[in-house]
Protein backbone atom coordinates (compact mmCIF):
# COMPACT_ATOMS: atom_id res chain seq x y z
CA MET A 1 -23.15 123.48 35.28
CA LYS A 2 -23.70 119.71 35.58
CA PHE A 3 -27.44 118.94 35.30
CA GLY A 4 -28.94 115.56 35.72
CA LEU A 5 -32.42 113.76 35.91
CA SER A 6 -34.56 112.58 38.41
CA MET A 7 -36.84 109.32 38.41
CA THR A 8 -39.68 111.54 39.31
CA ILE A 9 -40.36 112.33 35.90
CA LEU A 10 -41.81 108.83 35.58
CA PHE A 11 -44.05 109.12 38.26
CA ARG A 12 -47.14 110.12 36.33
CA GLU A 13 -46.47 107.16 33.99
CA PHE A 14 -45.97 104.65 36.81
CA ASN A 15 -49.56 103.63 36.02
CA GLU A 16 -49.20 102.76 32.94
CA LEU A 17 -46.21 101.16 33.23
CA TRP A 18 -47.59 98.93 36.06
CA GLN A 19 -50.34 97.68 33.52
CA LYS A 20 -48.12 96.71 31.07
CA VAL A 21 -45.76 94.40 33.36
CA GLU A 22 -46.69 91.93 36.13
CA ARG A 23 -43.45 91.72 38.17
CA ILE A 24 -42.95 94.59 40.38
CA ASP A 25 -39.37 94.38 40.11
CA LYS A 26 -39.72 94.47 36.22
CA VAL A 27 -41.77 97.75 36.51
CA TYR A 28 -38.88 99.50 38.26
CA LEU A 29 -36.39 98.04 35.45
CA ASN A 30 -38.74 99.22 32.89
CA LEU A 31 -38.55 103.07 34.97
CA VAL A 32 -34.88 102.82 35.05
CA ASP A 33 -34.68 101.79 31.23
CA THR A 34 -36.98 104.87 30.66
CA LEU A 35 -35.09 107.21 32.34
CA SER A 36 -31.54 106.29 31.02
CA LYS A 37 -32.79 106.36 27.74
CA PHE A 38 -34.30 109.90 27.78
CA SER A 39 -31.52 110.82 29.69
CA VAL A 40 -28.87 109.77 27.16
CA GLU A 41 -30.86 111.32 24.23
CA HIS A 42 -30.90 114.62 25.72
CA GLY A 43 -27.41 114.20 26.88
CA PHE A 44 -27.58 114.21 30.57
CA LYS A 45 -24.68 112.29 32.29
CA PHE A 46 -25.98 112.51 35.99
CA ILE A 47 -28.92 110.65 37.34
CA GLU A 48 -30.74 110.03 40.63
CA ILE A 49 -32.78 107.47 41.37
CA ASP A 50 -35.35 106.60 44.19
CA SER A 51 -36.23 104.25 46.28
CA PHE A 52 -40.11 104.42 46.84
CA GLY A 53 -43.19 102.33 47.48
CA PRO A 54 -43.82 99.63 46.22
CA PHE A 55 -40.13 99.16 45.39
CA ASN A 56 -38.40 98.55 48.49
CA SER A 57 -35.24 96.98 49.55
CA GLU A 58 -36.53 93.72 48.97
CA VAL A 59 -37.62 94.58 45.47
CA LEU A 60 -34.55 96.39 44.86
CA ASN A 61 -32.19 93.73 46.09
CA ILE A 62 -33.39 91.02 43.50
CA ILE A 63 -32.52 93.43 40.94
CA LYS A 64 -29.76 95.25 41.93
CA ASP A 65 -27.28 93.59 39.35
CA ASP A 66 -29.61 94.89 36.36
CA ILE A 67 -29.63 98.20 37.88
CA LYS A 68 -26.18 98.64 38.08
CA GLU A 69 -25.52 97.27 34.56
CA ARG A 70 -27.89 99.91 33.28
CA LEU A 71 -26.33 102.68 35.07
CA LYS A 72 -22.92 101.98 34.69
CA ASP A 73 -22.45 104.58 31.88
CA PHE A 74 -23.62 107.63 33.99
CA ASP A 75 -20.83 109.80 35.21
CA GLU A 76 -22.45 109.98 38.59
CA ILE A 77 -25.19 108.18 40.17
CA VAL A 78 -27.30 109.74 43.20
CA PHE A 79 -29.45 107.60 45.16
CA HIS A 80 -32.65 109.26 46.89
CA LEU A 81 -33.47 107.15 50.42
CA PRO A 82 -36.92 106.10 50.93
CA SER A 83 -39.29 109.06 52.48
CA TRP A 84 -42.90 108.29 51.56
CA GLU A 85 -43.73 105.67 54.03
CA ILE A 86 -40.31 105.86 55.92
CA ASN A 87 -40.09 108.08 58.98
CA ILE A 88 -36.79 107.93 60.59
CA SER A 89 -37.89 110.53 63.13
CA ALA A 90 -41.14 108.51 64.22
CA TYR A 91 -42.54 109.26 67.58
CA GLU A 92 -43.28 105.15 67.87
CA LYS A 93 -39.96 103.14 68.86
CA ALA A 94 -41.03 100.29 66.58
CA VAL A 95 -42.13 102.65 63.55
CA ARG A 96 -38.86 104.36 63.79
CA GLU A 97 -36.37 101.37 64.05
CA LYS A 98 -38.04 100.01 61.26
CA SER A 99 -37.63 102.87 59.01
CA ILE A 100 -34.07 102.86 60.03
CA GLU A 101 -33.57 99.48 59.28
CA GLU A 102 -35.25 100.04 55.72
CA THR A 103 -33.01 102.83 54.95
CA LYS A 104 -29.90 101.02 55.92
CA LYS A 105 -30.62 98.30 53.34
CA ASN A 106 -31.10 101.05 50.63
CA ILE A 107 -27.92 102.24 51.70
CA LYS A 108 -26.29 99.20 51.15
CA ILE A 109 -28.23 98.88 47.91
CA ALA A 110 -27.03 102.32 46.84
CA LYS A 111 -23.36 101.23 47.33
CA TYR A 112 -23.52 98.20 45.10
CA ILE A 113 -24.84 99.79 42.47
CA GLY A 114 -21.98 102.82 42.06
CA ALA A 115 -23.89 105.53 43.74
CA LYS A 116 -21.49 108.14 45.57
CA LYS A 117 -24.18 110.25 46.84
CA LEU A 118 -27.38 109.79 49.15
CA VAL A 119 -30.24 111.84 49.56
CA LEU A 120 -32.00 111.57 53.08
CA HIS A 121 -35.31 113.31 54.38
CA PRO A 122 -35.03 114.24 57.93
CA GLY A 123 -38.41 112.40 58.66
CA SER A 124 -41.56 112.52 56.62
CA PHE A 125 -43.82 112.71 59.50
CA GLY A 126 -46.39 110.38 57.83
CA SER A 127 -50.03 111.61 57.98
CA SER A 128 -50.15 113.44 61.32
CA PRO A 129 -47.46 116.46 61.03
CA TYR A 130 -49.70 118.79 63.50
CA PHE A 131 -49.14 116.04 65.90
CA TYR A 132 -45.56 115.79 65.69
CA ALA A 133 -45.38 119.83 66.05
CA LEU A 134 -46.93 119.15 69.59
CA PHE A 135 -43.73 117.82 70.78
CA PRO A 136 -41.11 119.86 68.93
CA GLU A 137 -37.89 119.23 71.15
CA VAL A 138 -38.84 115.52 71.59
CA VAL A 139 -38.85 115.08 67.65
CA ARG A 140 -35.87 116.97 66.91
CA LYS A 141 -33.84 114.74 69.46
CA ILE A 142 -35.06 111.79 67.99
CA CYS A 143 -34.53 113.10 64.64
CA LYS A 144 -30.76 113.81 65.61
CA ASP A 145 -30.35 110.37 67.04
CA SER A 146 -31.51 108.82 63.64
CA VAL A 147 -29.69 110.93 61.18
CA ASN A 148 -26.27 110.42 63.15
CA GLU A 149 -26.61 106.65 63.15
CA LEU A 150 -27.29 106.77 59.64
CA ILE A 151 -24.71 109.24 58.86
CA SER A 152 -22.18 106.96 60.59
CA PHE A 153 -23.62 103.80 59.09
CA SER A 154 -23.10 105.60 55.28
CA LYS A 155 -19.42 107.07 56.14
CA LYS A 156 -18.50 103.23 57.13
CA LEU A 157 -19.59 102.59 53.38
CA GLY A 158 -17.57 105.45 51.83
CA LEU A 159 -21.21 107.22 50.87
CA GLU A 160 -21.64 110.87 51.21
CA VAL A 161 -24.99 111.97 52.86
CA CYS A 162 -26.95 115.08 51.75
CA LEU A 163 -29.93 116.18 54.35
CA GLU A 164 -32.44 117.75 52.16
CA ASN A 165 -34.97 120.68 53.35
CA LEU A 166 -38.56 119.95 53.66
CA PRO A 167 -41.50 121.76 52.04
CA PHE A 168 -44.61 123.36 53.04
CA GLY A 169 -46.68 121.19 55.34
CA ALA A 170 -43.88 119.66 57.35
CA PRO A 171 -43.88 120.84 60.90
CA PHE A 172 -40.05 121.04 60.87
CA PHE A 173 -36.44 121.14 58.97
CA ARG A 174 -37.72 123.72 56.70
CA LYS A 175 -35.67 126.70 57.69
CA PRO A 176 -31.81 127.26 56.99
CA ASP A 177 -31.07 127.48 60.92
CA GLU A 178 -32.50 123.93 61.94
CA PHE A 179 -29.79 122.18 59.60
CA ASP A 180 -27.31 124.11 61.99
CA TYR A 181 -26.80 121.13 63.96
CA PHE A 182 -26.24 118.51 61.24
CA ILE A 183 -23.89 120.61 59.32
CA LYS A 184 -21.68 121.11 62.39
CA LYS A 185 -21.81 117.33 62.58
CA GLY A 186 -20.30 117.02 59.19
CA VAL A 187 -23.69 116.50 57.46
CA PHE A 188 -23.94 118.05 53.91
CA LEU A 189 -27.34 119.70 52.51
CA THR A 190 -29.32 118.67 49.29
CA LEU A 191 -30.78 122.23 48.90
CA ASP A 192 -34.39 121.84 47.45
CA THR A 193 -35.62 125.06 45.61
CA ALA A 194 -39.24 124.02 45.61
CA HIS A 195 -39.18 122.83 49.24
CA ALA A 196 -37.75 126.23 50.21
CA ILE A 197 -40.06 128.05 48.01
CA THR A 198 -43.43 126.28 49.31
CA ALA A 199 -42.18 126.81 52.96
CA GLY A 200 -41.97 130.88 52.33
CA ILE A 201 -38.07 130.95 52.22
CA ASP A 202 -35.85 132.06 49.39
CA PRO A 203 -33.39 129.27 48.48
CA VAL A 204 -30.68 131.62 48.17
CA VAL A 205 -30.71 132.16 51.80
CA PHE A 206 -29.37 128.65 52.21
CA ILE A 207 -26.68 129.32 49.90
CA ASP A 208 -25.53 132.48 51.77
CA ARG A 209 -25.48 130.46 55.01
CA PHE A 210 -24.21 127.31 54.18
CA GLN A 211 -22.41 127.93 50.96
CA LYS A 212 -19.62 124.86 50.18
CA LYS A 213 -22.13 122.59 52.85
CA ILE A 214 -24.26 122.32 50.28
CA LYS A 215 -23.22 119.27 47.99
CA HIS A 216 -26.89 118.45 46.17
CA VAL A 217 -29.46 120.52 44.36
CA HIS A 218 -33.00 119.64 43.16
CA LEU A 219 -33.85 122.73 40.88
CA VAL A 220 -37.93 122.47 40.57
CA ASP A 221 -40.31 125.57 40.86
CA GLY A 222 -43.09 125.95 43.18
CA PHE A 223 -45.44 128.44 45.19
CA LYS A 224 -45.22 129.74 48.64
CA GLY A 225 -47.55 127.99 50.81
CA ARG A 226 -48.69 125.57 48.52
CA GLU A 227 -48.03 121.85 48.38
CA ASP A 228 -44.66 120.74 46.58
CA TYR A 229 -46.17 119.31 42.90
CA HIS A 230 -42.49 119.74 41.29
CA TYR A 231 -43.18 122.56 38.66
CA ALA A 232 -41.14 123.03 35.40
CA ILE A 233 -38.64 125.97 35.68
CA GLY A 234 -40.11 129.38 35.19
CA SER A 235 -43.75 128.28 36.14
CA GLY A 236 -43.87 129.15 39.60
CA GLU A 237 -42.00 131.78 41.74
CA LEU A 238 -38.54 130.58 41.53
CA ASN A 239 -35.93 133.22 40.44
CA TYR A 240 -33.74 130.51 38.69
CA THR A 241 -31.42 132.85 37.25
CA ARG A 242 -30.85 134.56 40.29
CA PHE A 243 -30.54 131.42 42.14
CA LEU A 244 -28.21 129.90 39.37
CA ASN A 245 -25.87 132.56 39.52
CA LYS A 246 -25.53 132.93 43.26
CA LEU A 247 -24.47 129.08 42.85
CA ILE A 248 -21.59 130.08 40.51
CA ASP A 249 -20.40 132.97 42.59
CA ILE A 250 -19.93 130.28 45.28
CA GLY A 251 -18.12 128.37 42.87
CA TYR A 252 -20.54 125.11 43.04
CA GLU A 253 -19.42 122.34 40.95
CA GLU A 254 -21.65 119.76 42.40
CA ILE A 255 -24.62 118.34 40.47
CA ILE A 256 -27.92 119.90 39.80
CA ILE A 257 -31.01 117.56 39.55
CA LEU A 258 -34.01 118.75 37.66
CA GLU A 259 -36.57 116.85 40.05
CA LEU A 260 -39.81 117.63 37.61
CA MET A 261 -42.62 115.29 36.86
CA THR A 262 -42.53 114.66 33.10
CA ARG A 263 -40.36 114.66 30.13
CA ASP A 264 -42.23 117.20 28.48
CA ASP A 265 -41.92 119.56 31.79
CA VAL A 266 -37.93 118.68 31.40
CA ILE A 267 -37.90 119.99 27.75
CA LYS A 268 -39.74 123.38 28.72
CA SER A 269 -37.10 123.91 31.38
CA MET A 270 -34.26 122.90 29.45
CA ASN A 271 -35.20 125.69 26.95
CA LEU A 272 -34.87 128.05 29.77
CA LEU A 273 -31.82 126.99 31.16
CA LYS A 274 -29.98 126.62 27.68
CA ASP A 275 -27.28 129.56 28.80
CA TYR A 276 -26.35 126.98 31.90
CA LEU A 277 -26.52 123.69 30.05
């Protein structure tokens, strides 16, 4: 199986790196360097990098040549589009339009640095998820329009979009049936195991329903009804052997990203996953 690492393994070190380097663009390159070095040292040939605040498209555009050079030897690059303060399903039109605009800028950067695959959240719902829950049909319609626009934009650049299931706390797009519309439109799925578990759903249910339409996986542990804290494999409620064997059964050949929070968690998880590495 093809395993890779995500930039999330450095999130807890972000403040320390910030103190060492003044320029924000240099901080991001420091993160990329650290992730790349650790990945190579442990035999990972696949990598997923993120666009997250304060590293917006303006910052990344300045250093896109440097990012491209640093990642050129990886077999495949996945680019996680922004989601923290970006909400493509925002009820407010101005917020939504700016979110789509920023996402498109990141898509262009992803193309430039050599990414082939994009991970997209169907709206973050900001700090008011319960407000959005009051208008389910309106929000779903907004999301469909926004995703369709971004899919069309990405396809013109030759990039594959994988929509990600959301975790406990999000009002929508947690359940498998909520992705039927997008799958029929030709969108693929990023299956996040912890997001499924926190939402009270066995991730294997997604595999049974979507099979080959799953083109990307975030392998991470979690607990039903709790926040998504990206626990190491084996420390939560994920039956990882059952899950991975199910992927093998359907002939899954895409990347599996260990979307963990620390390098120590990667080592712990690798020890459990040694029969699959």
